[in-house]
Each structure stands twice: as structure tokens, then as C-alpha cells.
N, C-alpha and C. Protein backbone atom coordinates (compact mmCIF):
# COMPACT_ATOMS: atom_id res chain seq x y z
N MET A 1 -47.89 25.86 14.57
CA MET A 1 -48.36 25.34 15.86
C MET A 1 -47.55 24.10 16.23
N ALA A 2 -47.06 24.05 17.46
CA ALA A 2 -46.30 22.89 17.93
C ALA A 2 -47.21 21.68 18.02
N SER A 3 -46.63 20.51 17.82
CA SER A 3 -47.43 19.30 17.79
C SER A 3 -46.76 18.19 18.59
N ILE A 4 -47.52 17.10 18.76
CA ILE A 4 -47.01 15.84 19.29
C ILE A 4 -47.07 14.85 18.14
N LEU A 5 -45.95 14.25 17.80
CA LEU A 5 -45.92 13.23 16.76
C LEU A 5 -45.98 11.87 17.43
N SER A 6 -47.03 11.11 17.14
CA SER A 6 -47.22 9.79 17.73
C SER A 6 -47.09 8.74 16.62
N ILE A 7 -46.02 7.96 16.68
CA ILE A 7 -45.70 6.99 15.65
C ILE A 7 -46.08 5.59 16.13
N HIS A 8 -46.88 4.89 15.32
CA HIS A 8 -47.30 3.53 15.65
C HIS A 8 -46.66 2.57 14.65
N ALA A 9 -45.85 1.63 15.15
CA ALA A 9 -45.14 0.70 14.27
C ALA A 9 -45.66 -0.73 14.38
N SER A 10 -46.70 -0.94 15.17
CA SER A 10 -47.26 -2.28 15.31
C SER A 10 -48.20 -2.60 14.16
N PRO A 11 -48.32 -3.87 13.76
CA PRO A 11 -49.32 -4.24 12.76
C PRO A 11 -50.74 -3.91 13.22
N HIS A 12 -50.93 -3.77 14.54
CA HIS A 12 -52.24 -3.43 15.09
C HIS A 12 -52.47 -1.92 15.20
N GLY A 13 -51.49 -1.13 14.78
CA GLY A 13 -51.65 0.32 14.78
C GLY A 13 -51.96 0.89 16.15
N ALA A 14 -52.94 1.79 16.19
CA ALA A 14 -53.29 2.47 17.43
C ALA A 14 -54.00 1.56 18.42
N ALA A 15 -54.35 0.32 18.01
CA ALA A 15 -55.03 -0.61 18.91
C ALA A 15 -54.06 -1.46 19.71
N SER A 16 -52.77 -1.32 19.48
CA SER A 16 -51.79 -2.14 20.19
C SER A 16 -51.60 -1.66 21.62
N ARG A 17 -51.07 -2.53 22.45
CA ARG A 17 -50.78 -2.14 23.84
C ARG A 17 -49.81 -0.95 23.88
N GLY A 18 -48.76 -1.04 23.08
CA GLY A 18 -47.77 0.03 23.09
C GLY A 18 -48.35 1.37 22.69
N ALA A 19 -49.19 1.37 21.64
CA ALA A 19 -49.79 2.62 21.19
C ALA A 19 -50.76 3.17 22.23
N THR A 20 -51.50 2.29 22.88
CA THR A 20 -52.42 2.74 23.92
C THR A 20 -51.67 3.44 25.05
N LEU A 21 -50.54 2.86 25.42
CA LEU A 21 -49.73 3.48 26.48
C LEU A 21 -49.13 4.80 26.01
N ALA A 22 -48.64 4.83 24.77
CA ALA A 22 -48.07 6.06 24.23
C ALA A 22 -49.13 7.16 24.15
N LEU A 23 -50.35 6.80 23.79
CA LEU A 23 -51.41 7.80 23.68
C LEU A 23 -51.84 8.31 25.05
N GLN A 24 -51.56 7.53 26.10
CA GLN A 24 -51.79 8.07 27.45
C GLN A 24 -50.79 9.19 27.73
N ALA A 25 -49.55 9.01 27.27
CA ALA A 25 -48.56 10.08 27.41
C ALA A 25 -49.00 11.31 26.62
N VAL A 26 -49.58 11.09 25.44
CA VAL A 26 -50.11 12.20 24.64
C VAL A 26 -51.20 12.93 25.41
N ALA A 27 -52.09 12.18 26.05
CA ALA A 27 -53.16 12.80 26.83
C ALA A 27 -52.60 13.64 27.96
N ASN A 28 -51.52 13.15 28.59
CA ASN A 28 -50.88 13.93 29.65
C ASN A 28 -50.34 15.25 29.11
N LEU A 29 -49.69 15.19 27.96
CA LEU A 29 -49.11 16.39 27.36
C LEU A 29 -50.20 17.40 26.98
N GLN A 30 -51.29 16.92 26.40
CA GLN A 30 -52.35 17.82 25.97
C GLN A 30 -53.12 18.38 27.16
N ALA A 31 -53.18 17.62 28.26
CA ALA A 31 -53.81 18.15 29.47
C ALA A 31 -53.00 19.32 30.02
N ALA A 32 -51.67 19.22 29.90
CA ALA A 32 -50.79 20.29 30.38
C ALA A 32 -50.76 21.47 29.41
N ASP A 33 -50.90 21.18 28.10
CA ASP A 33 -50.86 22.24 27.09
C ASP A 33 -51.86 21.90 25.98
N PRO A 34 -53.10 22.35 26.10
CA PRO A 34 -54.14 22.02 25.12
C PRO A 34 -53.84 22.54 23.71
N SER A 35 -52.88 23.43 23.55
CA SER A 35 -52.57 23.95 22.22
C SER A 35 -51.77 22.95 21.38
N LEU A 36 -51.25 21.89 22.00
CA LEU A 36 -50.47 20.90 21.27
C LEU A 36 -51.38 20.05 20.40
N ALA A 37 -51.15 20.08 19.11
CA ALA A 37 -51.92 19.26 18.17
C ALA A 37 -51.31 17.86 18.12
N LEU A 38 -52.15 16.88 17.80
CA LEU A 38 -51.68 15.50 17.69
C LEU A 38 -51.58 15.10 16.23
N VAL A 39 -50.41 14.60 15.84
CA VAL A 39 -50.19 14.05 14.50
C VAL A 39 -49.87 12.58 14.68
N GLU A 40 -50.74 11.70 14.20
CA GLU A 40 -50.52 10.26 14.31
C GLU A 40 -49.99 9.72 12.98
N ARG A 41 -48.93 8.94 13.07
CA ARG A 41 -48.32 8.35 11.88
C ARG A 41 -48.35 6.82 12.07
N ASP A 42 -49.27 6.17 11.38
CA ASP A 42 -49.40 4.72 11.44
C ASP A 42 -48.50 4.11 10.38
N LEU A 43 -47.40 3.50 10.80
CA LEU A 43 -46.43 2.96 9.85
C LEU A 43 -46.85 1.60 9.29
N SER A 44 -47.90 1.01 9.83
CA SER A 44 -48.31 -0.30 9.32
C SER A 44 -48.73 -0.22 7.85
N VAL A 45 -49.14 0.95 7.40
CA VAL A 45 -49.53 1.10 5.98
C VAL A 45 -48.31 1.06 5.07
N LEU A 46 -47.10 1.17 5.66
CA LEU A 46 -45.87 1.11 4.87
C LEU A 46 -45.24 -0.28 4.90
N SER A 47 -45.97 -1.25 5.45
CA SER A 47 -45.37 -2.57 5.70
C SER A 47 -44.89 -3.27 4.43
N HIS A 48 -45.48 -2.95 3.27
CA HIS A 48 -45.07 -3.60 2.03
C HIS A 48 -44.28 -2.65 1.12
N ALA A 49 -43.90 -1.50 1.65
CA ALA A 49 -43.16 -0.52 0.84
C ALA A 49 -41.66 -0.71 1.03
N ASN A 50 -40.89 -0.05 0.18
CA ASN A 50 -39.45 -0.06 0.32
C ASN A 50 -38.91 1.28 -0.19
N VAL A 51 -37.60 1.47 -0.05
CA VAL A 51 -36.99 2.69 -0.57
C VAL A 51 -36.89 2.56 -2.09
N PRO A 52 -37.59 3.42 -2.83
CA PRO A 52 -37.62 3.27 -4.29
C PRO A 52 -36.30 3.68 -4.94
N GLN A 53 -36.07 3.19 -6.14
CA GLN A 53 -34.86 3.52 -6.88
C GLN A 53 -34.76 5.02 -7.13
N ALA A 54 -35.89 5.65 -7.42
CA ALA A 54 -35.88 7.09 -7.71
C ALA A 54 -35.38 7.89 -6.51
N TYR A 55 -35.75 7.44 -5.31
CA TYR A 55 -35.30 8.12 -4.09
C TYR A 55 -33.78 8.01 -3.97
N SER A 56 -33.27 6.79 -4.14
CA SER A 56 -31.83 6.57 -4.03
C SER A 56 -31.06 7.41 -5.05
N GLU A 57 -31.56 7.45 -6.24
CA GLU A 57 -30.90 8.23 -7.29
C GLU A 57 -30.94 9.72 -6.98
N ALA A 58 -32.05 10.19 -6.42
CA ALA A 58 -32.18 11.61 -6.08
C ALA A 58 -31.21 12.00 -4.97
N VAL A 59 -31.01 11.09 -4.00
CA VAL A 59 -30.05 11.36 -2.91
C VAL A 59 -28.64 11.44 -3.48
N LEU A 60 -28.28 10.47 -4.32
CA LEU A 60 -26.93 10.44 -4.87
C LEU A 60 -26.66 11.64 -5.78
N ALA A 61 -27.71 12.11 -6.46
CA ALA A 61 -27.56 13.26 -7.36
C ALA A 61 -27.70 14.60 -6.63
N GLN A 62 -27.95 14.54 -5.31
CA GLN A 62 -28.12 15.74 -4.49
C GLN A 62 -29.20 16.66 -5.08
N GLN A 63 -30.33 16.05 -5.39
CA GLN A 63 -31.46 16.81 -5.89
C GLN A 63 -32.00 17.72 -4.79
N PRO A 64 -32.69 18.83 -5.16
CA PRO A 64 -33.26 19.73 -4.15
C PRO A 64 -34.35 19.04 -3.34
N ASP A 65 -34.65 19.61 -2.17
CA ASP A 65 -35.61 19.00 -1.25
C ASP A 65 -37.00 18.87 -1.84
N ASP A 66 -37.35 19.72 -2.81
CA ASP A 66 -38.68 19.65 -3.39
C ASP A 66 -38.77 18.69 -4.58
N HIS A 67 -37.74 17.88 -4.78
CA HIS A 67 -37.77 16.88 -5.85
C HIS A 67 -38.89 15.87 -5.57
N ALA A 68 -39.56 15.41 -6.61
CA ALA A 68 -40.71 14.53 -6.46
C ALA A 68 -40.36 13.24 -5.71
N ALA A 69 -39.16 12.75 -5.87
CA ALA A 69 -38.77 11.50 -5.23
C ALA A 69 -38.67 11.63 -3.71
N PHE A 70 -38.58 12.88 -3.22
CA PHE A 70 -38.45 13.12 -1.78
C PHE A 70 -39.79 13.42 -1.11
N ALA A 71 -40.90 13.29 -1.80
CA ALA A 71 -42.19 13.75 -1.28
C ALA A 71 -42.52 13.10 0.07
N LEU A 72 -42.48 11.77 0.15
CA LEU A 72 -42.80 11.10 1.42
C LEU A 72 -41.74 11.40 2.47
N SER A 73 -40.49 11.38 2.08
CA SER A 73 -39.41 11.70 3.01
C SER A 73 -39.59 13.10 3.60
N GLU A 74 -39.94 14.06 2.77
CA GLU A 74 -40.15 15.43 3.24
C GLU A 74 -41.31 15.50 4.25
N THR A 75 -42.37 14.77 3.95
CA THR A 75 -43.52 14.75 4.87
C THR A 75 -43.12 14.20 6.23
N LEU A 76 -42.40 13.08 6.23
CA LEU A 76 -42.00 12.45 7.48
C LEU A 76 -41.00 13.31 8.26
N ILE A 77 -40.05 13.91 7.56
CA ILE A 77 -39.08 14.78 8.24
C ILE A 77 -39.78 16.02 8.80
N SER A 78 -40.70 16.60 8.04
CA SER A 78 -41.42 17.79 8.50
C SER A 78 -42.23 17.48 9.76
N GLU A 79 -42.79 16.27 9.84
CA GLU A 79 -43.53 15.89 11.05
C GLU A 79 -42.63 15.88 12.27
N VAL A 80 -41.40 15.43 12.10
CA VAL A 80 -40.43 15.45 13.19
C VAL A 80 -40.05 16.89 13.53
N GLU A 81 -39.79 17.69 12.52
CA GLU A 81 -39.40 19.09 12.74
C GLU A 81 -40.46 19.86 13.52
N ASP A 82 -41.73 19.61 13.21
CA ASP A 82 -42.82 20.36 13.81
C ASP A 82 -43.18 19.88 15.22
N ALA A 83 -42.67 18.73 15.60
CA ALA A 83 -43.07 18.11 16.86
C ALA A 83 -42.27 18.64 18.04
N ALA A 84 -43.00 19.06 19.07
CA ALA A 84 -42.36 19.41 20.34
C ALA A 84 -42.06 18.16 21.15
N PHE A 85 -42.86 17.11 20.93
CA PHE A 85 -42.69 15.83 21.59
C PHE A 85 -42.95 14.72 20.57
N ILE A 86 -42.29 13.58 20.77
CA ILE A 86 -42.49 12.43 19.89
C ILE A 86 -42.69 11.18 20.73
N THR A 87 -43.69 10.37 20.37
CA THR A 87 -43.83 9.05 20.96
C THR A 87 -43.69 8.02 19.84
N ILE A 88 -43.02 6.93 20.14
CA ILE A 88 -42.86 5.83 19.19
C ILE A 88 -43.29 4.55 19.90
N ALA A 89 -44.35 3.93 19.41
CA ALA A 89 -44.80 2.65 19.95
C ALA A 89 -44.42 1.57 18.95
N THR A 90 -43.54 0.67 19.36
CA THR A 90 -43.02 -0.32 18.42
C THR A 90 -42.87 -1.68 19.06
N PRO A 91 -43.23 -2.73 18.36
CA PRO A 91 -42.87 -4.07 18.84
C PRO A 91 -41.41 -4.34 18.55
N MET A 92 -40.85 -5.31 19.24
CA MET A 92 -39.52 -5.80 18.91
C MET A 92 -39.70 -7.02 18.01
N HIS A 93 -39.21 -6.92 16.79
CA HIS A 93 -39.28 -8.03 15.83
C HIS A 93 -37.89 -8.57 15.58
N ASN A 94 -37.68 -9.82 15.94
CA ASN A 94 -36.38 -10.46 15.68
C ASN A 94 -35.23 -9.62 16.23
N TYR A 95 -35.38 -9.20 17.47
CA TYR A 95 -34.36 -8.51 18.27
C TYR A 95 -34.23 -7.02 17.97
N THR A 96 -34.96 -6.49 16.98
CA THR A 96 -34.79 -5.08 16.63
C THR A 96 -36.10 -4.48 16.13
N VAL A 97 -36.04 -3.38 15.39
CA VAL A 97 -37.25 -2.69 14.96
C VAL A 97 -37.93 -3.44 13.82
N PRO A 98 -39.26 -3.32 13.69
CA PRO A 98 -39.97 -3.93 12.57
C PRO A 98 -39.64 -3.23 11.26
N ALA A 99 -39.96 -3.90 10.15
CA ALA A 99 -39.60 -3.38 8.83
C ALA A 99 -40.19 -2.01 8.56
N CYS A 100 -41.42 -1.77 9.01
CA CYS A 100 -42.06 -0.48 8.71
C CYS A 100 -41.35 0.67 9.42
N LEU A 101 -40.85 0.42 10.63
CA LEU A 101 -40.11 1.47 11.34
C LEU A 101 -38.73 1.66 10.70
N LYS A 102 -38.14 0.59 10.22
CA LYS A 102 -36.85 0.71 9.51
C LYS A 102 -37.03 1.55 8.25
N LEU A 103 -38.14 1.38 7.55
CA LEU A 103 -38.39 2.20 6.36
C LEU A 103 -38.54 3.67 6.74
N TRP A 104 -39.27 3.95 7.83
CA TRP A 104 -39.40 5.33 8.32
C TRP A 104 -38.01 5.91 8.59
N ILE A 105 -37.16 5.12 9.25
CA ILE A 105 -35.79 5.57 9.54
C ILE A 105 -35.04 5.88 8.25
N ASP A 106 -35.14 4.99 7.26
CA ASP A 106 -34.41 5.18 6.01
C ASP A 106 -34.86 6.42 5.25
N LEU A 107 -36.12 6.83 5.44
CA LEU A 107 -36.64 8.01 4.75
C LEU A 107 -36.43 9.30 5.55
N VAL A 108 -36.28 9.17 6.86
CA VAL A 108 -36.06 10.36 7.71
C VAL A 108 -34.58 10.72 7.79
N LEU A 109 -33.72 9.71 7.83
CA LEU A 109 -32.28 9.99 7.85
C LEU A 109 -31.81 10.24 6.42
N ARG A 110 -31.78 11.52 6.07
CA ARG A 110 -31.41 11.89 4.70
C ARG A 110 -30.28 12.91 4.72
N HIS A 111 -29.21 12.56 4.05
CA HIS A 111 -28.02 13.41 4.03
C HIS A 111 -28.34 14.80 3.49
N ARG A 112 -27.83 15.81 4.16
CA ARG A 112 -28.00 17.23 3.84
C ARG A 112 -29.38 17.77 4.20
N ARG A 113 -30.29 16.89 4.68
CA ARG A 113 -31.63 17.35 5.07
C ARG A 113 -31.86 17.17 6.56
N SER A 114 -31.66 15.96 7.08
CA SER A 114 -31.83 15.74 8.51
C SER A 114 -30.50 15.54 9.23
N PHE A 115 -29.44 15.32 8.47
CA PHE A 115 -28.11 15.27 9.08
C PHE A 115 -27.07 15.71 8.05
N ALA A 116 -25.96 16.22 8.57
CA ALA A 116 -24.82 16.59 7.74
C ALA A 116 -23.67 15.68 8.09
N SER A 117 -22.69 15.60 7.20
CA SER A 117 -21.55 14.72 7.44
C SER A 117 -20.26 15.46 7.11
N ALA A 118 -19.31 15.39 8.03
CA ALA A 118 -18.00 16.00 7.81
C ALA A 118 -16.93 15.04 8.31
N ASN A 119 -16.03 14.64 7.43
CA ASN A 119 -14.95 13.70 7.78
C ASN A 119 -15.51 12.40 8.37
N GLY A 120 -16.65 11.98 7.83
CA GLY A 120 -17.25 10.72 8.27
C GLY A 120 -18.08 10.83 9.52
N VAL A 121 -18.15 12.00 10.13
CA VAL A 121 -18.92 12.20 11.35
C VAL A 121 -20.27 12.84 11.00
N LYS A 122 -21.36 12.21 11.43
CA LYS A 122 -22.69 12.72 11.14
C LYS A 122 -23.18 13.64 12.26
N THR A 123 -23.77 14.78 11.86
CA THR A 123 -24.28 15.77 12.80
C THR A 123 -25.75 16.02 12.51
N GLY A 124 -26.58 15.91 13.53
CA GLY A 124 -28.01 16.09 13.35
C GLY A 124 -28.40 17.52 13.04
N LEU A 125 -29.43 17.68 12.20
CA LEU A 125 -29.90 19.00 11.79
C LEU A 125 -31.31 19.32 12.26
N LEU A 126 -31.97 18.38 12.94
CA LEU A 126 -33.39 18.60 13.28
C LEU A 126 -33.60 19.16 14.68
N GLY A 127 -32.62 19.07 15.55
CA GLY A 127 -32.77 19.63 16.90
C GLY A 127 -33.35 18.63 17.87
N ASP A 128 -33.02 18.79 19.14
CA ASP A 128 -33.44 17.86 20.18
C ASP A 128 -34.86 18.14 20.64
N ARG A 129 -35.53 17.11 21.14
CA ARG A 129 -36.87 17.21 21.74
C ARG A 129 -37.11 15.90 22.48
N PRO A 130 -38.00 15.89 23.48
CA PRO A 130 -38.24 14.65 24.23
C PRO A 130 -38.91 13.59 23.37
N VAL A 131 -38.40 12.36 23.47
CA VAL A 131 -38.96 11.22 22.74
C VAL A 131 -39.23 10.09 23.72
N LEU A 132 -40.42 9.53 23.65
CA LEU A 132 -40.80 8.37 24.43
C LEU A 132 -40.93 7.18 23.49
N VAL A 133 -40.20 6.10 23.78
CA VAL A 133 -40.29 4.88 22.98
C VAL A 133 -40.91 3.78 23.85
N VAL A 134 -42.07 3.30 23.45
CA VAL A 134 -42.73 2.19 24.15
C VAL A 134 -42.48 0.93 23.34
N VAL A 135 -41.77 -0.01 23.93
CA VAL A 135 -41.39 -1.24 23.24
C VAL A 135 -42.21 -2.41 23.77
N THR A 136 -42.87 -3.15 22.88
CA THR A 136 -43.60 -4.35 23.28
C THR A 136 -42.85 -5.58 22.82
N ALA A 137 -42.88 -6.62 23.66
CA ALA A 137 -42.17 -7.86 23.33
C ALA A 137 -42.88 -9.04 23.99
N GLY A 138 -42.98 -10.13 23.27
CA GLY A 138 -43.64 -11.31 23.82
C GLY A 138 -42.84 -11.93 24.94
N GLY A 139 -41.50 -11.90 24.85
CA GLY A 139 -40.65 -12.45 25.88
C GLY A 139 -40.00 -11.36 26.71
N LEU A 140 -39.09 -11.77 27.59
CA LEU A 140 -38.36 -10.81 28.42
C LEU A 140 -37.10 -10.39 27.67
N VAL A 141 -36.91 -9.08 27.54
CA VAL A 141 -35.78 -8.57 26.75
C VAL A 141 -34.88 -7.64 27.55
N THR A 142 -35.20 -7.37 28.81
CA THR A 142 -34.36 -6.53 29.66
C THR A 142 -34.16 -7.23 31.01
N GLY A 143 -33.14 -6.80 31.73
CA GLY A 143 -32.92 -7.31 33.07
C GLY A 143 -32.33 -8.71 33.10
N PRO A 144 -32.14 -9.25 34.31
CA PRO A 144 -31.50 -10.56 34.46
C PRO A 144 -32.31 -11.71 33.87
N GLY A 145 -33.62 -11.50 33.70
CA GLY A 145 -34.46 -12.57 33.15
C GLY A 145 -34.57 -12.55 31.64
N ALA A 146 -33.82 -11.66 30.98
CA ALA A 146 -33.92 -11.54 29.52
C ALA A 146 -33.54 -12.85 28.85
N VAL A 147 -34.35 -13.25 27.87
CA VAL A 147 -34.10 -14.51 27.18
C VAL A 147 -33.76 -14.30 25.71
N GLN A 148 -33.66 -13.05 25.27
CA GLN A 148 -33.30 -12.78 23.88
C GLN A 148 -32.54 -11.46 23.80
N PRO A 149 -31.74 -11.28 22.76
CA PRO A 149 -30.98 -10.03 22.63
C PRO A 149 -31.90 -8.83 22.39
N ASN A 150 -31.41 -7.66 22.76
CA ASN A 150 -32.13 -6.41 22.53
C ASN A 150 -31.23 -5.48 21.72
N HIS A 151 -31.40 -5.54 20.41
CA HIS A 151 -30.64 -4.63 19.54
C HIS A 151 -31.46 -3.40 19.18
N LEU A 152 -32.68 -3.33 19.66
CA LEU A 152 -33.58 -2.23 19.30
C LEU A 152 -33.16 -0.92 19.98
N ALA A 153 -32.93 -0.97 21.29
CA ALA A 153 -32.70 0.27 22.04
C ALA A 153 -31.46 1.01 21.58
N GLY A 154 -30.33 0.28 21.47
CA GLY A 154 -29.10 0.93 21.05
C GLY A 154 -29.19 1.47 19.63
N TYR A 155 -29.81 0.68 18.76
CA TYR A 155 -29.95 1.10 17.37
C TYR A 155 -30.81 2.34 17.26
N LEU A 156 -31.98 2.33 17.91
CA LEU A 156 -32.88 3.47 17.81
C LEU A 156 -32.28 4.71 18.47
N THR A 157 -31.53 4.52 19.55
CA THR A 157 -30.85 5.65 20.19
C THR A 157 -29.85 6.28 19.22
N ASP A 158 -29.08 5.45 18.52
CA ASP A 158 -28.10 5.97 17.55
C ASP A 158 -28.79 6.65 16.38
N VAL A 159 -29.90 6.07 15.92
CA VAL A 159 -30.65 6.65 14.81
C VAL A 159 -31.15 8.05 15.16
N LEU A 160 -31.75 8.19 16.32
CA LEU A 160 -32.30 9.49 16.72
C LEU A 160 -31.17 10.49 16.96
N ALA A 161 -30.06 10.03 17.51
CA ALA A 161 -28.91 10.92 17.71
C ALA A 161 -28.38 11.45 16.39
N THR A 162 -28.48 10.65 15.34
CA THR A 162 -27.99 11.05 14.03
C THR A 162 -28.69 12.30 13.52
N VAL A 163 -29.99 12.44 13.84
CA VAL A 163 -30.72 13.63 13.39
C VAL A 163 -30.74 14.73 14.45
N GLY A 164 -30.08 14.49 15.59
CA GLY A 164 -29.96 15.53 16.61
C GLY A 164 -30.80 15.34 17.85
N ILE A 165 -31.40 14.16 18.03
CA ILE A 165 -32.28 13.92 19.17
C ILE A 165 -31.59 13.00 20.17
N SER A 166 -31.39 13.50 21.38
CA SER A 166 -30.73 12.71 22.42
C SER A 166 -31.58 12.54 23.67
N ASP A 167 -32.69 13.27 23.77
CA ASP A 167 -33.57 13.22 24.95
C ASP A 167 -34.57 12.07 24.75
N VAL A 168 -34.10 10.84 24.97
CA VAL A 168 -34.89 9.65 24.67
C VAL A 168 -35.02 8.78 25.91
N ARG A 169 -36.23 8.28 26.16
CA ARG A 169 -36.46 7.32 27.23
C ARG A 169 -37.25 6.14 26.69
N PHE A 170 -36.97 4.95 27.24
CA PHE A 170 -37.62 3.71 26.81
C PHE A 170 -38.49 3.14 27.92
N VAL A 171 -39.69 2.70 27.56
CA VAL A 171 -40.57 1.97 28.46
C VAL A 171 -40.85 0.63 27.80
N TYR A 172 -40.62 -0.45 28.55
CA TYR A 172 -40.78 -1.79 27.99
C TYR A 172 -42.05 -2.46 28.52
N LEU A 173 -42.84 -2.99 27.60
CA LEU A 173 -43.94 -3.89 27.93
C LEU A 173 -43.50 -5.26 27.43
N GLU A 174 -42.94 -6.06 28.32
CA GLU A 174 -42.33 -7.32 27.90
C GLU A 174 -42.96 -8.51 28.61
N GLY A 175 -42.71 -9.69 28.06
CA GLY A 175 -43.31 -10.89 28.61
C GLY A 175 -44.80 -10.96 28.36
N LEU A 176 -45.25 -10.37 27.24
CA LEU A 176 -46.69 -10.21 27.00
C LEU A 176 -47.39 -11.52 26.64
N VAL A 177 -46.64 -12.59 26.34
CA VAL A 177 -47.29 -13.86 26.05
C VAL A 177 -47.95 -14.45 27.30
N ASN A 178 -47.50 -13.99 28.46
CA ASN A 178 -48.07 -14.43 29.73
C ASN A 178 -49.09 -13.38 30.18
N PRO A 179 -50.39 -13.74 30.26
CA PRO A 179 -51.43 -12.74 30.62
C PRO A 179 -51.18 -12.05 31.95
N VAL A 180 -50.69 -12.79 32.93
CA VAL A 180 -50.41 -12.18 34.23
C VAL A 180 -49.27 -11.17 34.10
N GLN A 181 -48.19 -11.58 33.43
CA GLN A 181 -47.06 -10.68 33.23
C GLN A 181 -47.46 -9.48 32.39
N ALA A 182 -48.37 -9.69 31.42
CA ALA A 182 -48.83 -8.58 30.58
C ALA A 182 -49.52 -7.51 31.41
N ASP A 183 -50.35 -7.92 32.35
CA ASP A 183 -51.03 -6.95 33.22
C ASP A 183 -50.02 -6.21 34.10
N ILE A 184 -49.03 -6.95 34.60
CA ILE A 184 -48.00 -6.32 35.43
C ILE A 184 -47.21 -5.31 34.61
N ALA A 185 -46.86 -5.71 33.38
CA ALA A 185 -46.08 -4.82 32.52
C ALA A 185 -46.85 -3.54 32.21
N MET A 186 -48.15 -3.66 31.94
CA MET A 186 -48.96 -2.47 31.66
C MET A 186 -49.00 -1.55 32.86
N ALA A 187 -49.19 -2.11 34.05
CA ALA A 187 -49.24 -1.29 35.27
C ALA A 187 -47.92 -0.58 35.49
N GLN A 188 -46.82 -1.29 35.28
CA GLN A 188 -45.50 -0.69 35.44
C GLN A 188 -45.28 0.42 34.39
N GLY A 189 -45.71 0.16 33.16
CA GLY A 189 -45.57 1.16 32.11
C GLY A 189 -46.35 2.43 32.40
N ILE A 190 -47.58 2.26 32.88
CA ILE A 190 -48.40 3.41 33.24
C ILE A 190 -47.71 4.24 34.32
N ARG A 191 -47.16 3.56 35.31
CA ARG A 191 -46.49 4.28 36.40
C ARG A 191 -45.25 5.01 35.90
N MET A 192 -44.45 4.34 35.07
CA MET A 192 -43.23 4.97 34.56
C MET A 192 -43.55 6.23 33.75
N ILE A 193 -44.57 6.15 32.91
CA ILE A 193 -44.93 7.32 32.11
C ILE A 193 -45.49 8.42 33.00
N SER A 194 -46.31 8.05 33.97
CA SER A 194 -46.88 9.05 34.86
C SER A 194 -45.82 9.83 35.62
N GLU A 195 -44.70 9.14 35.93
CA GLU A 195 -43.63 9.76 36.72
C GLU A 195 -42.59 10.46 35.85
N ASP A 196 -42.69 10.31 34.54
CA ASP A 196 -41.69 10.91 33.66
C ASP A 196 -41.83 12.44 33.67
N PRO A 197 -40.72 13.18 33.81
CA PRO A 197 -40.80 14.64 33.87
C PRO A 197 -41.32 15.30 32.61
N ALA A 198 -41.17 14.66 31.46
CA ALA A 198 -41.65 15.25 30.20
C ALA A 198 -43.03 14.76 29.81
N PHE A 199 -43.30 13.46 29.99
CA PHE A 199 -44.53 12.86 29.49
C PHE A 199 -45.51 12.48 30.58
N GLY A 200 -45.19 12.78 31.83
CA GLY A 200 -46.01 12.32 32.94
C GLY A 200 -47.25 13.14 33.21
N SER A 201 -48.08 12.57 34.06
CA SER A 201 -49.30 13.26 34.50
C SER A 201 -48.92 14.40 35.41
N ARG A 202 -49.37 15.60 35.08
CA ARG A 202 -49.03 16.78 35.89
C ARG A 202 -49.75 16.75 37.24
N GLN A 203 -50.77 15.89 37.35
CA GLN A 203 -51.47 15.75 38.63
C GLN A 203 -50.72 14.83 39.59
N GLY A 204 -49.73 14.09 39.05
CA GLY A 204 -48.90 13.26 39.90
C GLY A 204 -49.48 11.90 40.22
N ASN A 205 -50.67 11.55 39.71
CA ASN A 205 -51.27 10.25 39.97
C ASN A 205 -51.35 9.46 38.68
N PRO A 206 -51.01 8.18 38.71
CA PRO A 206 -51.11 7.38 37.49
C PRO A 206 -52.54 7.36 36.99
N PRO A 207 -52.81 7.76 35.75
CA PRO A 207 -54.18 7.78 35.25
C PRO A 207 -54.67 6.39 34.92
N ALA A 208 -55.97 6.21 34.99
CA ALA A 208 -56.55 4.94 34.61
C ALA A 208 -56.55 4.83 33.08
N MET A 209 -56.27 3.65 32.58
CA MET A 209 -56.29 3.46 31.15
C MET A 209 -57.72 3.52 30.64
N ALA A 210 -57.90 4.16 29.50
CA ALA A 210 -59.26 4.35 28.97
C ALA A 210 -59.90 3.03 28.56
N ARG A 211 -59.07 2.06 28.10
CA ARG A 211 -59.63 0.80 27.65
C ARG A 211 -58.59 -0.30 27.72
N ALA A 212 -59.04 -1.51 27.80
CA ALA A 212 -58.12 -2.64 27.84
C ALA A 212 -57.82 -3.10 26.43
N VAL A 213 -56.61 -3.61 26.23
CA VAL A 213 -56.23 -4.12 24.92
C VAL A 213 -55.63 -5.50 25.10
N ASN A 214 -55.62 -6.28 24.06
CA ASN A 214 -55.14 -7.64 24.14
C ASN A 214 -54.01 -7.93 23.17
N ARG A 215 -53.38 -6.89 22.64
CA ARG A 215 -52.33 -7.11 21.66
C ARG A 215 -51.06 -6.41 22.11
């Protein structure tokens, strides 16, 4: 059965502003196709984890996919493989992705499993599908008013391309330290998702958010 993979990278998990907005996109998808199952992956539980030595050794030794050291990696890659759509709700930490999302990346990008390499060129093995990335930031990180670098978008675009995913769109909730700007950002985000051809409301009207969030 095809699924929607919803990845939450905030310390607040599904209660964050970004996740709430991403789950609205999920609701739009399920309204259009009720057969789509939802798989939620809360990466905050991985916040104190790292890539273990056994995993590194198994990669270098080219162990089979069912090797014990690949168990979590296999689960995460399989979730991507099974997903017809993916949403990623992530804060921007120090100009780029948070540590828990970086760990997810390190376990999903696995040579000979999610990508192949020939003459130094990496080719994705997982296939393309629409991905929505909702980025939250306390300050302004896009446009002429940006006050800090944005290394997240380019990096995550390259990461997803490595496994074969190029159909990616970004929605920014930025300037969230200002309550007025936060409300504006949420309204703009709702509209952008509603109008998106893959993740938007099929009724054509921006849906009301089910609940307010403060993170």
C-alpha cells in the first residue's frame, strides 16, 4: 500500500509549527486519496544517537542488506521507498539541518542501497516522488531581508537528489521570534501548500488550521 512519509525533525516533534503545516498537506493528500496510509517518523528520538562503528564497518565490508548493523538504516530507507509522497518539517539550526535530520541522512544515503557510484558520480536508486520541506526559522533566512545564511535548502536538495528525488519544494516559516511575523508566515505557508499541485487542497481553498501552535 502506498503511503505518505511525514518526517518531523523539530525537538517539539508533531507539535511544532512546521509539523502542523506539513500535516495539513498530509490531510490534503488523504482527502484526495483515502487509501494513502500515513507513516510518521519523529527524528527527535534520535537526537542523542550517532552512526555506530558497526554500521561503518558493515558499509566498508559491503555486508548484505539484512546485516544486523543495517537494521535502522533499512527501516528508514524502506519508509522512503514505500512513500508516494514525503513531507519533512525541520527547523534551521545554525544555518543548516538539525543533528537528528543529519543522522537520518547519514543512515538513508547508503552506498549500493539507496545510491550507486560510478567514476565518482552518484546515481539515486530510490526513484523520484514529490517532497515538501517545511523550514522553520526564528529569523529571516530568505529574500532581501535575510539576516543569516541558508545552507539548508541547497544541502537538502543535493541529499535528496543523491537517492533519486528531484521533485522538491520548500515552504519557509521564518521570522518566528516576532509573533506578528509568525502569524503572517503561517498564513503564507498555508496558502502556498494549498496552491501546490502535489500537496494542495483539491477544493482550491486554503483550509483552516485545526489548532494553533506556539513553537
